[in-house]
Amino acid sequence: MFQSANLVLKHCSISESMTDQTASSAVGSWSNYKQTTRWRVNLRDVIGHDAYDKHEKFCLRLNSLSYNNSGNFSVAGKDESLYARVSGLNWLNSSYDVKTKSNTGGYPATILYMPKNTARTLYYTSNVSNAFFSKTQNDVTIQIELLRTVDDLPPELAATLPHFMYSFQIIPIE
């Protein structure tokens, strides 16, 4: 029988503040205006005890990402084109970097474009990306960093980024 689990990671689960540069709670934390966010997740609870015990490998699929871009966050144009690098799981050949010729430990999940002064809700959908991981422990800290596409560095931000919602599906691999 095909089983999958949904994992939704939201900034508002950590804090409802829209302006704090840093925040921390039992759920996770963010720093540098939400450029780096960490969520504490129990994979056994998310996937389900039976499926977690039966399988060693899983596919993490980013199904959608949404946020309301109603501010002027970036300092320069190079800070408007970002990608989300996901880390904290034991990736299986999903994080190869051709520049360094090695697996980086971070998986580039999706590219975001956050233009200045644009008031709209952005929604990326329909199997944005897939990555494969093997289980190592029940409790993990999933980290999502927003980095500039031009140089892999954190963007210079003028204000706190909006709350994001990442919707993942976790699928066991036979």
Protein backbone atom coordinates (compact mmCIF):
# COMPACT_ATOMS: atom_id res chain seq x y z
CA MET A 1 0.00 0.00 0.00
CA PHE A 2 1.29 3.46 -0.96
CA GLN A 3 1.80 5.67 2.07
CA SER A 4 3.01 9.22 2.27
CA ALA A 5 3.04 11.90 4.91
CA ASN A 6 2.67 15.65 4.74
CA LEU A 7 5.07 17.98 6.53
CA VAL A 8 4.21 21.67 6.71
CA LEU A 9 6.87 24.02 8.05
CA LYS A 10 5.66 27.53 8.87
CA HIS A 11 7.38 30.53 10.39
CA CYS A 12 4.24 31.32 12.39
CA SER A 13 4.67 27.99 14.23
CA ILE A 14 7.86 29.47 15.72
CA SER A 15 6.57 33.00 16.33
CA GLU A 16 3.70 35.12 15.06
CA SER A 17 5.88 38.24 15.06
CA MET A 18 6.31 39.70 11.60
CA THR A 19 9.14 42.05 12.57
CA ASP A 20 11.55 40.20 14.90
CA GLN A 21 15.06 39.75 13.53
CA THR A 22 15.40 36.55 15.60
CA ALA A 23 12.88 34.24 17.27
CA SER A 24 13.00 30.96 19.18
CA SER A 25 10.48 28.50 20.61
CA ALA A 26 10.13 24.79 21.32
CA VAL A 27 9.25 24.33 17.61
CA GLY A 28 12.40 25.96 16.23
CA SER A 29 14.12 29.27 15.59
CA TRP A 30 15.01 31.85 12.98
CA SER A 31 17.86 34.33 12.69
CA ASN A 32 19.06 37.13 10.43
CA TYR A 33 15.55 38.32 9.53
CA LYS A 34 14.44 34.70 8.71
CA GLN A 35 17.32 34.10 6.31
CA THR A 36 18.05 30.94 8.33
CA THR A 37 15.23 28.98 9.96
CA ARG A 38 15.32 25.69 11.88
CA TRP A 39 12.37 23.44 12.73
CA ARG A 40 12.61 20.53 15.19
CA VAL A 41 10.82 17.53 13.69
CA ASN A 42 10.22 13.97 14.89
CA LEU A 43 10.28 11.98 11.64
CA ARG A 44 8.77 8.87 13.24
CA ASP A 45 5.71 10.88 14.29
CA VAL A 46 5.38 12.63 10.92
CA ILE A 47 5.84 9.53 8.74
CA GLY A 48 4.01 7.14 11.07
CA HIS A 49 5.58 4.43 13.18
CA ASP A 50 4.82 1.54 10.78
CA ALA A 51 6.13 3.25 7.64
CA TYR A 52 9.15 4.63 9.50
CA ASP A 53 10.09 1.20 10.83
CA LYS A 54 9.51 -0.54 7.48
CA HIS A 55 11.56 1.83 5.26
CA GLU A 56 15.11 3.15 5.33
CA LYS A 57 14.92 5.64 2.45
CA PHE A 58 12.44 8.39 1.65
CA CYS A 59 11.72 11.06 -0.95
CA LEU A 60 11.18 14.60 0.33
CA ARG A 61 9.05 16.46 -2.21
CA LEU A 62 8.52 20.19 -1.92
CA ASN A 63 4.93 20.46 -3.13
CA SER A 64 4.37 24.16 -2.51
CA LEU A 65 5.79 27.30 -1.00
CA SER A 66 3.85 30.44 -0.27
CA TYR A 67 4.53 33.85 1.23
CA ASN A 68 3.19 37.37 1.01
CA ASN A 69 5.83 39.66 -0.45
CA SER A 70 4.58 43.05 0.67
CA GLY A 71 7.80 44.73 1.72
CA ASN A 72 11.14 46.03 0.62
CA PHE A 73 13.49 43.39 2.04
CA SER A 74 16.59 43.40 -0.12
CA VAL A 75 19.39 45.94 -0.13
CA ALA A 76 20.64 45.36 -3.69
CA GLY A 77 19.40 43.64 -6.85
CA LYS A 78 21.59 40.61 -6.23
CA ASP A 79 19.65 40.04 -2.98
CA GLU A 80 16.33 39.59 -4.81
CA SER A 81 17.05 36.23 -6.45
CA LEU A 82 17.41 33.60 -3.72
CA TYR A 83 17.29 29.86 -3.38
CA ALA A 84 16.20 27.77 -0.43
CA ARG A 85 18.88 25.32 0.76
CA VAL A 86 17.47 22.56 2.98
CA SER A 87 19.75 20.68 5.39
CA GLY A 88 19.43 18.48 8.45
CA LEU A 89 18.57 15.20 6.73
CA ASN A 90 20.93 12.48 5.50
CA TRP A 91 20.74 13.29 1.78
CA LEU A 92 21.34 10.59 -0.82
CA ASN A 93 23.06 12.16 -3.84
CA SER A 94 20.75 15.18 -3.72
CA SER A 95 23.21 17.88 -2.75
CA TYR A 96 26.00 17.72 -5.34
CA ASP A 97 27.68 21.05 -6.10
CA VAL A 98 29.49 21.16 -9.46
CA LYS A 99 31.67 24.08 -8.32
CA THR A 100 33.13 22.19 -5.35
CA LYS A 101 32.66 18.73 -6.92
CA SER A 102 31.22 17.37 -3.70
CA ASN A 103 27.97 16.80 -1.83
CA THR A 104 27.38 19.88 0.28
CA GLY A 105 25.05 18.57 2.97
CA GLY A 106 22.46 21.08 1.81
CA TYR A 107 19.87 20.45 -0.87
CA PRO A 108 18.86 23.41 -3.12
CA ALA A 109 15.09 23.04 -3.02
CA THR A 110 13.79 25.97 -5.04
CA ILE A 111 14.58 29.43 -6.40
CA LEU A 112 12.66 32.46 -5.16
CA TYR A 113 12.43 35.86 -6.74
CA MET A 114 11.62 38.60 -4.24
CA PRO A 115 11.46 41.88 -6.17
CA LYS A 116 11.37 45.17 -4.30
CA ASN A 117 8.06 46.88 -3.57
CA THR A 118 5.84 44.09 -4.85
CA ALA A 119 2.62 43.57 -2.90
CA ARG A 120 1.38 40.13 -3.82
CA THR A 121 1.15 36.61 -2.50
CA LEU A 122 3.54 34.25 -4.23
CA TYR A 123 2.72 30.57 -4.46
CA TYR A 124 4.94 27.91 -5.99
CA THR A 125 3.20 24.61 -6.55
CA SER A 126 3.11 21.19 -8.18
CA ASN A 127 6.16 19.16 -7.27
CA VAL A 128 8.67 21.97 -7.11
CA SER A 129 11.53 19.60 -6.31
CA ASN A 130 12.42 16.15 -4.99
CA ALA A 131 15.32 14.96 -2.83
CA PHE A 132 16.13 11.60 -1.30
CA PHE A 133 17.28 10.89 2.24
CA SER A 134 17.84 7.97 4.56
CA LYS A 135 16.75 7.94 8.17
CA THR A 136 19.38 8.37 10.85
CA GLN A 137 17.38 9.26 13.96
CA ASN A 138 13.83 10.07 14.98
CA ASP A 139 14.44 13.70 15.94
CA VAL A 140 16.00 15.99 13.35
CA THR A 141 16.43 19.71 12.91
CA ILE A 142 15.48 20.74 9.40
CA GLN A 143 17.18 23.97 8.42
CA ILE A 144 16.19 26.16 5.49
CA GLU A 145 18.61 28.90 4.47
CA LEU A 146 17.81 31.51 1.86
CA LEU A 147 20.96 32.22 -0.14
CA ARG A 148 21.73 34.40 -3.15
CA THR A 149 21.77 32.52 -6.44
CA VAL A 150 24.65 34.63 -7.73
CA ASP A 151 27.23 33.68 -5.06
CA ASP A 152 25.71 31.29 -2.46
CA LEU A 153 25.96 33.94 0.27
CA PRO A 154 23.24 35.18 2.63
CA PRO A 155 21.39 38.19 1.24
CA GLU A 156 21.78 41.61 2.79
CA LEU A 157 18.34 42.31 4.18
CA ALA A 158 16.84 45.68 5.06
CA ALA A 159 13.88 44.20 6.96
CA THR A 160 12.46 40.93 8.25
CA LEU A 161 11.26 38.58 5.51
CA PRO A 162 7.58 37.58 5.44
CA HIS A 163 6.31 34.37 7.02
CA PHE A 164 6.85 31.44 4.67
CA MET A 165 4.97 28.15 4.51
CA TYR A 166 6.78 25.15 3.02
CA SER A 167 4.56 22.16 2.26
CA PHE A 168 6.45 18.88 1.83
CA GLN A 169 5.37 15.33 1.15
CA ILE A 170 7.50 12.46 2.48
CA ILE A 171 7.22 9.26 0.42
CA PRO A 172 8.79 5.94 1.44
CA ILE A 173 11.04 4.32 -1.16
CA GLU A 174 10.93 0.56 -1.60
